[in-house]
Amino acid sequence: MSEPEERGEPAHRFGVLLTVAYDGSPFSGFARQPHDRTVAGELDGAVRAIDPRATEVRGASRTDAGVHAWGQVVAFDTDKDIDARGWVLGITRHLPKEIAVTRAARVAPGFIPRHRAVQKTYRYVLLCSAVRDPFWEGRAWRIAHRLNHTLLQREAQDLLGQHDFRAFRASADERTDTVRHLFRASVRTPSGDARIVELRVTGDRFMYRMMRIITGTLVDVAAGKLEPGSVRRALHSGSRSDLGVTAPPHGLYLEQVELNDAGCDAWPVADRNID
């Protein structure tokens, strides 16, 4: 008998990487909490329904309460040698309707997604409408007043590059390294619904509520509540008071996390295309 078997440990461990989509409305964020319902807690329960000895899931991003995701990535370790298709279908049976596993792949045991993240893309959805729309309720921030789309686009471009973004974080964020590199920032109106405006930002890392502060600031500039150039002023001053409101969580989506290792033997084989 081998030494691991003598100690009652599995002879082999496998790492599994999942891509997860969720409606964040009913959850108190991604990270597990002792007395609240969270996305990580639901995933832990679904994984352990298949393998009670599996580790807790390790996520790439701790999304806030009410924030949604199309491309959250999590990993866990297991001694069950199940293929990717089996994990996707098996875990899905034990998840609530607000959470879906959209991809699984094999990775090394101990794989930590947040250490492997090369860049993240967030999308914020605005509904520019004087009246409510029940189909966007809880999925977009409704703006009842007119926005200057030219100002919105122009202000977003000032975010690009490597800067000290210490002004663009909530007061609860106490980290000392506040330099981030934003690669892309775009504003668009998707075809088919002129009321919808999407702000998409890609960067190497984000701080606590950074994307929501960016969005609130751009909206305030586009609505005439802040002077154009507010992003540049805040990057120079480092002062939160130079920026706008913090946008509500329900319009925010973690769209994609690009890793330097996406695993092997994946299912489904083709990921969802992101234009």
C-alpha atoms as a PDB file:
ATOM      1  CA  MET A   1       0.000   0.000   0.000  1.00  0.00           C
ATOM      2  CA  SER A   2       1.355   3.440  -0.897  1.00  0.00           C
ATOM      3  CA  GLU A   3       2.004   6.075   1.756  1.00  0.00           C
ATOM      4  CA  PRO A   4      -0.950   8.364   0.774  1.00  0.00           C
ATOM      5  CA  GLU A   5      -3.332   5.402   0.892  1.00  0.00           C
ATOM      6  CA  GLU A   6      -2.034   4.421   4.338  1.00  0.00           C
ATOM      7  CA  ARG A   7      -2.959   7.885   5.631  1.00  0.00           C
ATOM      8  CA  GLY A   8      -6.390   7.699   4.028  1.00  0.00           C
ATOM      9  CA  GLU A   9      -5.491  10.351   1.437  1.00  0.00           C
ATOM     10  CA  PRO A  10      -6.324   9.992  -2.260  1.00  0.00           C
ATOM     11  CA  ALA A  11      -3.523   8.602  -4.407  1.00  0.00           C
ATOM     12  CA  HIS A  12      -4.182  11.290  -7.043  1.00  0.00           C
ATOM     13  CA  ARG A  13      -5.581  14.795  -6.972  1.00  0.00           C
ATOM     14  CA  PHE A  14      -6.999  16.625  -9.962  1.00  0.00           C
ATOM     15  CA  GLY A  15      -7.488  20.332 -10.522  1.00  0.00           C
ATOM     16  CA  VAL A  16     -10.670  21.542 -12.225  1.00  0.00           C
ATOM     17  CA  LEU A  17     -11.173  25.004 -13.722  1.00  0.00           C
ATOM     18  CA  LEU A  18     -14.731  26.260 -14.250  1.00  0.00           C
ATOM     19  CA  THR A  19     -16.113  29.252 -16.102  1.00  0.00           C
ATOM     20  CA  VAL A  20     -19.246  30.454 -14.332  1.00  0.00           C
ATOM     21  CA  ALA A  21     -22.051  32.864 -15.237  1.00  0.00           C
ATOM     22  CA  TYR A  22     -24.504  34.212 -12.680  1.00  0.00           C
ATOM     23  CA  ASP A  23     -27.220  36.690 -11.921  1.00  0.00           C
ATOM     24  CA  GLY A  24     -25.892  38.338  -8.786  1.00  0.00           C
ATOM     25  CA  SER A  25     -29.235  39.770  -7.642  1.00  0.00           C
ATOM     26  CA  PRO A  26     -30.078  37.214  -4.911  1.00  0.00           C
ATOM     27  CA  PHE A  27     -26.533  36.826  -3.570  1.00  0.00           C
ATOM     28  CA  SER A  28     -24.418  38.731  -1.052  1.00  0.00           C
ATOM     29  CA  GLY A  29     -21.539  38.799  -3.500  1.00  0.00           C
ATOM     30  CA  PHE A  30     -19.200  36.077  -4.716  1.00  0.00           C
ATOM     31  CA  ALA A  31     -17.054  35.473  -1.614  1.00  0.00           C
ATOM     32  CA  ARG A  32     -18.435  33.034   0.958  1.00  0.00           C
ATOM     33  CA  GLN A  33     -19.879  34.481   4.159  1.00  0.00           C
ATOM     34  CA  PRO A  34     -20.946  32.553   7.259  1.00  0.00           C
ATOM     35  CA  HIS A  35     -24.563  33.723   7.400  1.00  0.00           C
ATOM     36  CA  ASP A  36     -25.354  34.946   3.869  1.00  0.00           C
ATOM     37  CA  ARG A  37     -26.056  33.297   0.554  1.00  0.00           C
ATOM     38  CA  THR A  38     -23.127  33.741  -1.835  1.00  0.00           C
ATOM     39  CA  VAL A  39     -22.065  32.479  -5.255  1.00  0.00           C
ATOM     40  CA  ALA A  40     -18.987  30.722  -3.859  1.00  0.00           C
ATOM     41  CA  GLY A  41     -21.099  29.040  -1.203  1.00  0.00           C
ATOM     42  CA  GLU A  42     -23.527  27.712  -3.804  1.00  0.00           C
ATOM     43  CA  LEU A  43     -20.654  26.436  -5.950  1.00  0.00           C
ATOM     44  CA  ASP A  44     -19.028  24.741  -2.937  1.00  0.00           C
ATOM     45  CA  GLY A  45     -22.246  22.903  -2.204  1.00  0.00           C
ATOM     46  CA  ALA A  46     -22.716  21.807  -5.821  1.00  0.00           C
ATOM     47  CA  VAL A  47     -19.139  20.532  -6.144  1.00  0.00           C
ATOM     48  CA  ARG A  48     -19.290  18.651  -2.845  1.00  0.00           C
ATOM     49  CA  ALA A  49     -22.556  17.015  -3.852  1.00  0.00           C
ATOM     50  CA  ILE A  50     -20.361  15.171  -6.363  1.00  0.00           C
ATOM     51  CA  ASP A  51     -17.167  14.909  -4.284  1.00  0.00           C
ATOM     52  CA  PRO A  52     -17.505  15.584  -0.547  1.00  0.00           C
ATOM     53  CA  ARG A  53     -13.705  15.700  -0.289  1.00  0.00           C
ATOM     54  CA  ALA A  54     -13.285  18.450  -2.877  1.00  0.00           C
ATOM     55  CA  THR A  55     -11.719  21.737  -1.787  1.00  0.00           C
ATOM     56  CA  GLU A  56     -13.596  25.011  -1.651  1.00  0.00           C
ATOM     57  CA  VAL A  57     -13.669  26.871  -4.967  1.00  0.00           C
ATOM     58  CA  ARG A  58     -11.038  29.540  -5.553  1.00  0.00           C
ATOM     59  CA  GLY A  59     -12.325  32.484  -7.614  1.00  0.00           C
ATOM     60  CA  ALA A  60     -10.597  35.066  -9.797  1.00  0.00           C
ATOM     61  CA  SER A  61     -12.689  38.030  -8.628  1.00  0.00           C
ATOM     62  CA  ARG A  62     -14.690  38.872  -5.501  1.00  0.00           C
ATOM     63  CA  THR A  63     -17.706  40.523  -7.136  1.00  0.00           C
ATOM     64  CA  ASP A  64     -19.938  42.622  -4.859  1.00  0.00           C
ATOM     65  CA  ALA A  65     -23.507  41.897  -3.864  1.00  0.00           C
ATOM     66  CA  GLY A  66     -25.783  42.407  -6.862  1.00  0.00           C
ATOM     67  CA  VAL A  67     -22.977  42.283  -9.449  1.00  0.00           C
ATOM     68  CA  HIS A  68     -23.382  39.783 -12.288  1.00  0.00           C
ATOM     69  CA  ALA A  69     -20.907  37.684 -14.276  1.00  0.00           C
ATOM     70  CA  TRP A  70     -20.621  36.072 -17.673  1.00  0.00           C
ATOM     71  CA  GLY A  71     -17.038  34.922 -17.256  1.00  0.00           C
ATOM     72  CA  GLN A  72     -16.083  34.360 -13.620  1.00  0.00           C
ATOM     73  CA  VAL A  73     -13.473  31.594 -13.294  1.00  0.00           C
ATOM     74  CA  VAL A  74     -13.017  29.305 -10.308  1.00  0.00           C
ATOM     75  CA  ALA A  75     -10.869  26.273  -9.550  1.00  0.00           C
ATOM     76  CA  PHE A  76     -11.026  23.428  -7.058  1.00  0.00           C
ATOM     77  CA  ASP A  77      -9.173  20.185  -6.309  1.00  0.00           C
ATOM     78  CA  THR A  78     -10.758  16.751  -6.264  1.00  0.00           C
ATOM     79  CA  ASP A  79      -9.814  13.076  -6.185  1.00  0.00           C
ATOM     80  CA  LYS A  80     -12.621  12.248  -8.654  1.00  0.00           C
ATOM     81  CA  ASP A  81     -11.306  11.557 -12.159  1.00  0.00           C
ATOM     82  CA  ILE A  82     -14.291  12.992 -14.053  1.00  0.00           C
ATOM     83  CA  ASP A  83     -14.036  14.521 -17.519  1.00  0.00           C
ATOM     84  CA  ALA A  84     -14.909  18.158 -18.173  1.00  0.00           C
ATOM     85  CA  ARG A  85     -18.336  17.370 -19.629  1.00  0.00           C
ATOM     86  CA  GLY A  86     -19.183  15.351 -16.536  1.00  0.00           C
ATOM     87  CA  TRP A  87     -18.248  18.244 -14.245  1.00  0.00           C
ATOM     88  CA  VAL A  88     -20.279  20.804 -16.230  1.00  0.00           C
ATOM     89  CA  LEU A  89     -23.419  18.684 -16.324  1.00  0.00           C
ATOM     90  CA  GLY A  90     -23.005  17.246 -12.835  1.00  0.00           C
ATOM     91  CA  ILE A  91     -22.429  20.531 -11.035  1.00  0.00           C
ATOM     92  CA  THR A  92     -25.223  22.221 -12.970  1.00  0.00           C
ATOM     93  CA  ARG A  93     -27.767  19.767 -11.542  1.00  0.00           C
ATOM     94  CA  HIS A  94     -26.984  21.010  -8.039  1.00  0.00           C
ATOM     95  CA  LEU A  95     -26.961  24.754  -8.735  1.00  0.00           C
ATOM     96  CA  PRO A  96     -29.789  27.283  -8.418  1.00  0.00           C
ATOM     97  CA  LYS A  97     -31.174  28.730 -11.647  1.00  0.00           C
ATOM     98  CA  GLU A  98     -29.230  31.979 -11.165  1.00  0.00           C
ATOM     99  CA  ILE A  99     -25.843  30.225 -11.592  1.00  0.00           C
ATOM    100  CA  ALA A 100     -24.568  28.260 -14.585  1.00  0.00           C
ATOM    101  CA  VAL A 101     -21.285  26.486 -15.299  1.00  0.00           C
ATOM    102  CA  THR A 102     -20.457  27.226 -18.936  1.00  0.00           C
ATOM    103  CA  ARG A 103     -17.071  25.494 -19.275  1.00  0.00           C
ATOM    104  CA  ALA A 104     -14.781  23.109 -17.422  1.00  0.00           C
ATOM    105  CA  ALA A 105     -11.151  22.169 -18.017  1.00  0.00           C
ATOM    106  CA  ARG A 106      -8.406  20.234 -16.268  1.00  0.00           C
ATOM    107  CA  VAL A 107      -5.622  22.176 -14.526  1.00  0.00           C
ATOM    108  CA  ALA A 108      -2.890  21.347 -12.038  1.00  0.00           C
ATOM    109  CA  PRO A 109      -3.965  20.797  -8.408  1.00  0.00           C
ATOM    110  CA  GLY A 110      -3.665  23.988  -6.374  1.00  0.00           C
ATOM    111  CA  PHE A 111      -4.370  26.204  -9.393  1.00  0.00           C
ATOM    112  CA  ILE A 112      -5.260  29.724  -8.175  1.00  0.00           C
ATOM    113  CA  PRO A 113      -7.138  31.714 -10.862  1.00  0.00           C
ATOM    114  CA  ARG A 114      -6.465  35.168  -9.442  1.00  0.00           C
ATOM    115  CA  HIS A 115      -2.719  34.509  -9.612  1.00  0.00           C
ATOM    116  CA  ARG A 116      -3.078  33.445 -13.259  1.00  0.00           C
ATOM    117  CA  ALA A 117      -5.198  36.385 -14.427  1.00  0.00           C
ATOM    118  CA  VAL A 118      -3.583  38.405 -17.212  1.00  0.00           C
ATOM    119  CA  GLN A 119      -6.469  40.829 -17.627  1.00  0.00           C
ATOM    120  CA  LYS A 120     -10.116  41.287 -16.743  1.00  0.00           C
ATOM    121  CA  THR A 121     -12.948  42.868 -18.695  1.00  0.00           C
ATOM    122  CA  TYR A 122     -15.945  44.465 -17.011  1.00  0.00           C
ATOM    123  CA  ARG A 123     -19.066  45.673 -18.762  1.00  0.00           C
ATOM    124  CA  TYR A 124     -21.494  48.197 -17.309  1.00  0.00           C
ATOM    125  CA  VAL A 125     -24.969  48.481 -18.833  1.00  0.00           C
ATOM    126  CA  LEU A 126     -26.956  51.731 -18.798  1.00  0.00           C
ATOM    127  CA  LEU A 127     -30.637  51.968 -19.699  1.00  0.00           C
ATOM    128  CA  CYS A 128     -31.285  55.514 -20.920  1.00  0.00           C
ATOM    129  CA  SER A 129     -35.042  55.791 -20.534  1.00  0.00           C
ATOM    130  CA  ALA A 130     -37.567  58.033 -18.827  1.00  0.00           C
ATOM    131  CA  VAL A 131     -39.616  54.977 -17.878  1.00  0.00           C
ATOM    132  CA  ARG A 132     -38.847  51.633 -16.277  1.00  0.00           C
ATOM    133  CA  ASP A 133     -38.396  48.464 -18.297  1.00  0.00           C
ATOM    134  CA  PRO A 134     -39.204  45.269 -16.355  1.00  0.00           C
ATOM    135  CA  PHE A 135     -36.916  43.214 -18.609  1.00  0.00           C
ATOM    136  CA  TRP A 136     -33.885  45.298 -17.580  1.00  0.00           C
ATOM    137  CA  GLU A 137     -34.870  45.654 -13.915  1.00  0.00           C
ATOM    138  CA  GLY A 138     -31.913  44.576 -11.783  1.00  0.00           C
ATOM    139  CA  ARG A 139     -29.744  44.192 -14.889  1.00  0.00           C
ATOM    140  CA  ALA A 140     -29.002  47.825 -15.861  1.00  0.00           C
ATOM    141  CA  TRP A 141     -28.753  51.271 -14.263  1.00  0.00           C
ATOM    142  CA  ARG A 142     -31.646  53.353 -15.562  1.00  0.00           C
ATOM    143  CA  ILE A 143     -30.665  56.947 -16.382  1.00  0.00           C
ATOM    144  CA  ALA A 144     -33.739  59.125 -16.806  1.00  0.00           C
ATOM    145  CA  HIS A 145     -31.921  62.221 -18.090  1.00  0.00           C
ATOM    146  CA  ARG A 146     -30.130  62.783 -21.387  1.00  0.00           C
ATOM    147  CA  LEU A 147     -26.429  61.841 -21.724  1.00  0.00           C
ATOM    148  CA  ASN A 148     -23.888  63.461 -24.027  1.00  0.00           C
ATOM    149  CA  HIS A 149     -22.424  60.389 -25.748  1.00  0.00           C
ATOM    150  CA  THR A 150     -19.504  62.356 -27.204  1.00  0.00           C
ATOM    151  CA  LEU A 151     -18.415  63.430 -23.717  1.00  0.00           C
ATOM    152  CA  LEU A 152     -18.930  59.898 -22.438  1.00  0.00           C
ATOM    153  CA  GLN A 153     -16.597  58.488 -25.099  1.00  0.00           C
ATOM    154  CA  ARG A 154     -14.010  61.250 -24.715  1.00  0.00           C
ATOM    155  CA  GLU A 155     -13.829  60.987 -20.922  1.00  0.00           C
ATOM    156  CA  ALA A 156     -13.430  57.200 -21.116  1.00  0.00           C
ATOM    157  CA  GLN A 157     -10.275  57.556 -23.224  1.00  0.00           C
ATOM    158  CA  ASP A 158      -8.520  59.415 -20.405  1.00  0.00           C
ATOM    159  CA  LEU A 159      -8.570  56.170 -18.402  1.00  0.00           C
ATOM    160  CA  LEU A 160      -6.225  54.386 -20.774  1.00  0.00           C
ATOM    161  CA  GLY A 161      -2.642  53.556 -19.874  1.00  0.00           C
ATOM    162  CA  GLN A 162      -0.822  52.940 -16.624  1.00  0.00           C
ATOM    163  CA  HIS A 163      -1.784  55.318 -13.834  1.00  0.00           C
ATOM    164  CA  ASP A 164      -2.106  55.557 -10.088  1.00  0.00           C
ATOM    165  CA  PHE A 165      -5.841  54.967  -9.666  1.00  0.00           C
ATOM    166  CA  ARG A 166      -5.919  55.585  -5.904  1.00  0.00           C
ATOM    167  CA  ALA A 167      -8.824  58.050  -6.341  1.00  0.00           C
ATOM    168  CA  PHE A 168     -10.906  55.352  -8.073  1.00  0.00           C
ATOM    169  CA  ARG A 169     -11.520  53.051  -5.107  1.00  0.00           C
ATOM    170  CA  ALA A 170     -13.856  52.803  -2.154  1.00  0.00           C
ATOM    171  CA  SER A 171     -12.611  53.888   1.271  1.00  0.00           C
ATOM    172  CA  ALA A 172     -12.665  50.264   2.466  1.00  0.00           C
ATOM    173  CA  ASP A 173      -9.867  49.424   0.022  1.00  0.00           C
ATOM    174  CA  GLU A 174      -6.674  49.832   2.055  1.00  0.00           C
ATOM    175  CA  ARG A 175      -4.114  48.353  -0.345  1.00  0.00           C
ATOM    176  CA  THR A 176      -0.968  50.387  -0.908  1.00  0.00           C
ATOM    177  CA  ASP A 177      -0.317  49.353  -4.526  1.00  0.00           C
ATOM    178  CA  THR A 178      -2.821  51.426  -6.503  1.00  0.00           C
ATOM    179  CA  VAL A 179      -1.128  51.499  -9.918  1.00  0.00           C
ATOM    180  CA  ARG A 180      -3.203  49.806 -12.593  1.00  0.00           C
ATOM    181  CA  HIS A 181      -2.989  49.513 -16.378  1.00  0.00           C
ATOM    182  CA  LEU A 182      -6.199  49.891 -18.371  1.00  0.00           C
ATOM    183  CA  PHE A 183      -5.838  48.598 -21.932  1.00  0.00           C
ATOM    184  CA  ARG A 184      -9.235  49.368 -23.439  1.00  0.00           C
ATOM    185  CA  ALA A 185     -12.250  51.524 -22.605  1.00  0.00           C
ATOM    186  CA  SER A 186     -15.146  51.674 -25.034  1.00  0.00           C
ATOM    187  CA  VAL A 187     -18.667  53.061 -25.073  1.00  0.00           C
ATOM    188  CA  ARG A 188     -21.198  51.665 -27.504  1.00  0.00           C
ATOM    189  CA  THR A 189     -24.901  51.350 -28.198  1.00  0.00           C
ATOM    190  CA  PRO A 190     -25.672  47.791 -29.330  1.00  0.00           C
ATOM    191  CA  SER A 191     -27.810  47.437 -32.415  1.00  0.00           C
ATOM    192  CA  GLY A 192     -31.485  46.829 -31.794  1.00  0.00           C
ATOM    193  CA  ASP A 193     -32.051  49.016 -28.725  1.00  0.00           C
ATOM    194  CA  ALA A 194     -30.984  52.663 -28.817  1.00  0.00           C
ATOM    195  CA  ARG A 195     -31.765  53.012 -25.101  1.00  0.00           C
ATOM    196  CA  ILE A 196     -28.888  50.753 -24.069  1.00  0.00           C
ATOM    197  CA  VAL A 197     -25.361  52.099 -23.578  1.00  0.00           C
ATOM    198  CA  GLU A 198     -22.558  49.714 -22.655  1.00  0.00           C
ATOM    199  CA  LEU A 199     -19.283  50.778 -21.084  1.00  0.00           C
ATOM    200  CA  ARG A 200     -16.590  48.113 -21.357  1.00  0.00           C
ATOM    201  CA  VAL A 201     -13.201  48.388 -19.628  1.00  0.00           C
ATOM    202  CA  THR A 202     -10.276  45.958 -19.774  1.00  0.00           C
ATOM    203  CA  GLY A 203      -7.334  46.177 -17.392  1.00  0.00           C
ATOM    204  CA  ASP A 204      -4.688  44.129 -15.642  1.00  0.00           C
ATOM    205  CA  ARG A 205      -6.282  44.558 -12.208  1.00  0.00           C
ATOM    206  CA  PHE A 206      -9.130  46.432 -10.555  1.00  0.00           C
ATOM    207  CA  MET A 207      -9.633  47.761  -7.044  1.00  0.00           C
ATOM    208  CA  TYR A 208     -12.659  47.674  -4.781  1.00  0.00           C
ATOM    209  CA  ARG A 209     -15.586  49.342  -6.603  1.00  0.00           C
ATOM    210  CA  MET A 210     -13.193  50.838  -9.149  1.00  0.00           C
ATOM    211  CA  MET A 211     -15.385  50.023 -12.138  1.00  0.00           C
ATOM    212  CA  ARG A 212     -18.486  51.417 -10.439  1.00  0.00           C
ATOM    213  CA  ILE A 213     -16.689  54.681  -9.610  1.00  0.00           C
ATOM    214  CA  ILE A 214     -15.431  54.938 -13.202  1.00  0.00           C
ATOM    215  CA  THR A 215     -18.968  54.450 -14.498  1.00  0.00           C
ATOM    216  CA  GLY A 216     -20.554  56.928 -12.105  1.00  0.00           C
ATOM    217  CA  THR A 217     -17.953  59.536 -13.016  1.00  0.00           C
ATOM    218  CA  LEU A 218     -18.423  59.120 -16.775  1.00  0.00           C
ATOM    219  CA  VAL A 219     -22.195  59.334 -16.383  1.00  0.00           C
ATOM    220  CA  ASP A 220     -21.916  62.483 -14.266  1.00  0.00           C
ATOM    221  CA  VAL A 221     -19.693  64.123 -16.893  1.00  0.00           C
ATOM    222  CA  ALA A 222     -22.032  63.069 -19.712  1.00  0.00           C
ATOM    223  CA  ALA A 223     -25.025  64.423 -17.749  1.00  0.00           C
ATOM    224  CA  GLY A 224     -23.374  67.799 -17.101  1.00  0.00           C
ATOM    225  CA  LYS A 225     -23.007  67.215 -13.360  1.00  0.00           C
ATOM    226  CA  LEU A 226     -19.196  67.150 -13.531  1.00  0.00           C
ATOM    227  CA  GLU A 227     -16.830  69.164 -15.688  1.00  0.00           C
ATOM    228  CA  PRO A 228     -15.114  67.345 -18.560  1.00  0.00           C
ATOM    229  CA  GLY A 229     -11.586  66.331 -17.634  1.00  0.00           C
ATOM    230  CA  SER A 230     -12.623  64.962 -14.228  1.00  0.00           C
ATOM    231  CA  VAL A 231     -10.804  61.680 -14.878  1.00  0.00           C
ATOM    232  CA  ARG A 232      -7.535  63.509 -15.651  1.00  0.00           C
ATOM    233  CA  ARG A 233      -7.910  65.718 -12.575  1.00  0.00           C
ATOM    234  CA  ALA A 234      -8.496  62.759 -10.281  1.00  0.00           C
ATOM    235  CA  LEU A 235      -5.538  60.841 -11.714  1.00  0.00           C
ATOM    236  CA  HIS A 236      -3.383  63.882 -10.950  1.00  0.00           C
ATOM    237  CA  SER A 237      -4.818  64.714  -7.517  1.00  0.00           C
ATOM    238  CA  GLY A 238      -5.527  61.212  -6.244  1.00  0.00           C
ATOM    239  CA  SER A 239      -8.661  62.609  -4.604  1.00  0.00           C
ATOM    240  CA  ARG A 240     -11.970  60.745  -4.627  1.00  0.00           C
ATOM    241  CA  SER A 241     -13.760  64.114  -4.324  1.00  0.00           C
ATOM    242  CA  ASP A 242     -12.787  64.948  -7.918  1.00  0.00           C
ATOM    243  CA  LEU A 243     -14.891  62.049  -9.183  1.00  0.00           C
ATOM    244  CA  GLY A 244     -18.602  61.326  -9.465  1.00  0.00           C
ATOM    245  CA  VAL A 245     -21.032  58.977  -7.779  1.00  0.00           C
ATOM    246  CA  THR A 246     -20.503  55.256  -7.334  1.00  0.00           C
ATOM    247  CA  ALA A 247     -22.760  53.515  -9.842  1.00  0.00           C
ATOM    248  CA  PRO A 248     -25.132  50.896  -8.396  1.00  0.00           C
ATOM    249  CA  PRO A 249     -24.008  47.255  -8.546  1.00  0.00           C
ATOM    250  CA  HIS A 250     -26.838  45.814 -10.628  1.00  0.00           C
ATOM    251  CA  GLY A 251     -25.577  47.227 -13.957  1.00  0.00           C
ATOM    252  CA  LEU A 252     -22.115  45.681 -13.607  1.00  0.00           C
ATOM    253  CA  TYR A 253     -20.975  42.422 -15.208  1.00  0.00           C
ATOM    254  CA  LEU A 254     -17.658  40.592 -14.922  1.00  0.00           C
ATOM    255  CA  GLU A 255     -17.460  39.745 -18.609  1.00  0.00           C
ATOM    256  CA  GLN A 256     -14.198  37.889 -19.010  1.00  0.00           C
ATOM    257  CA  VAL A 257     -11.076  36.865 -17.111  1.00  0.00           C
ATOM    258  CA  GLU A 258      -8.138  36.033 -19.351  1.00  0.00           C
ATOM    259  CA  LEU A 259      -5.748  33.542 -17.739  1.00  0.00           C
ATOM    260  CA  ASN A 260      -2.218  32.586 -18.725  1.00  0.00           C
ATOM    261  CA  ASP A 261      -3.367  28.958 -18.519  1.00  0.00           C
ATOM    262  CA  ALA A 262      -6.926  28.095 -19.554  1.00  0.00           C
ATOM    263  CA  GLY A 263      -6.489  24.378 -18.844  1.00  0.00           C
ATOM    264  CA  CYS A 264      -6.753  21.376 -21.131  1.00  0.00           C
ATOM    265  CA  ASP A 265      -9.361  18.773 -22.144  1.00  0.00           C
ATOM    266  CA  ALA A 266     -12.047  21.459 -21.966  1.00  0.00           C
ATOM    267  CA  TRP A 267     -15.781  21.087 -22.572  1.00  0.00           C
ATOM    268  CA  PRO A 268     -17.510  22.665 -24.403  1.00  0.00           C
ATOM    269  CA  VAL A 269     -14.573  23.039 -26.774  1.00  0.00           C
ATOM    270  CA  ALA A 270     -15.488  26.513 -28.078  1.00  0.00           C
ATOM    271  CA  ASP A 271     -15.822  29.397 -25.619  1.00  0.00           C
ATOM    272  CA  ARG A 272     -18.493  32.046 -26.092  1.00  0.00           C
ATOM    273  CA  ASN A 273     -17.196  34.703 -28.485  1.00  0.00           C
ATOM    274  CA  ILE A 274     -16.750  38.186 -27.063  1.00  0.00           C
ATOM    275  CA  ASP A 275     -16.720  40.938 -29.672  1.00  0.00           C
END
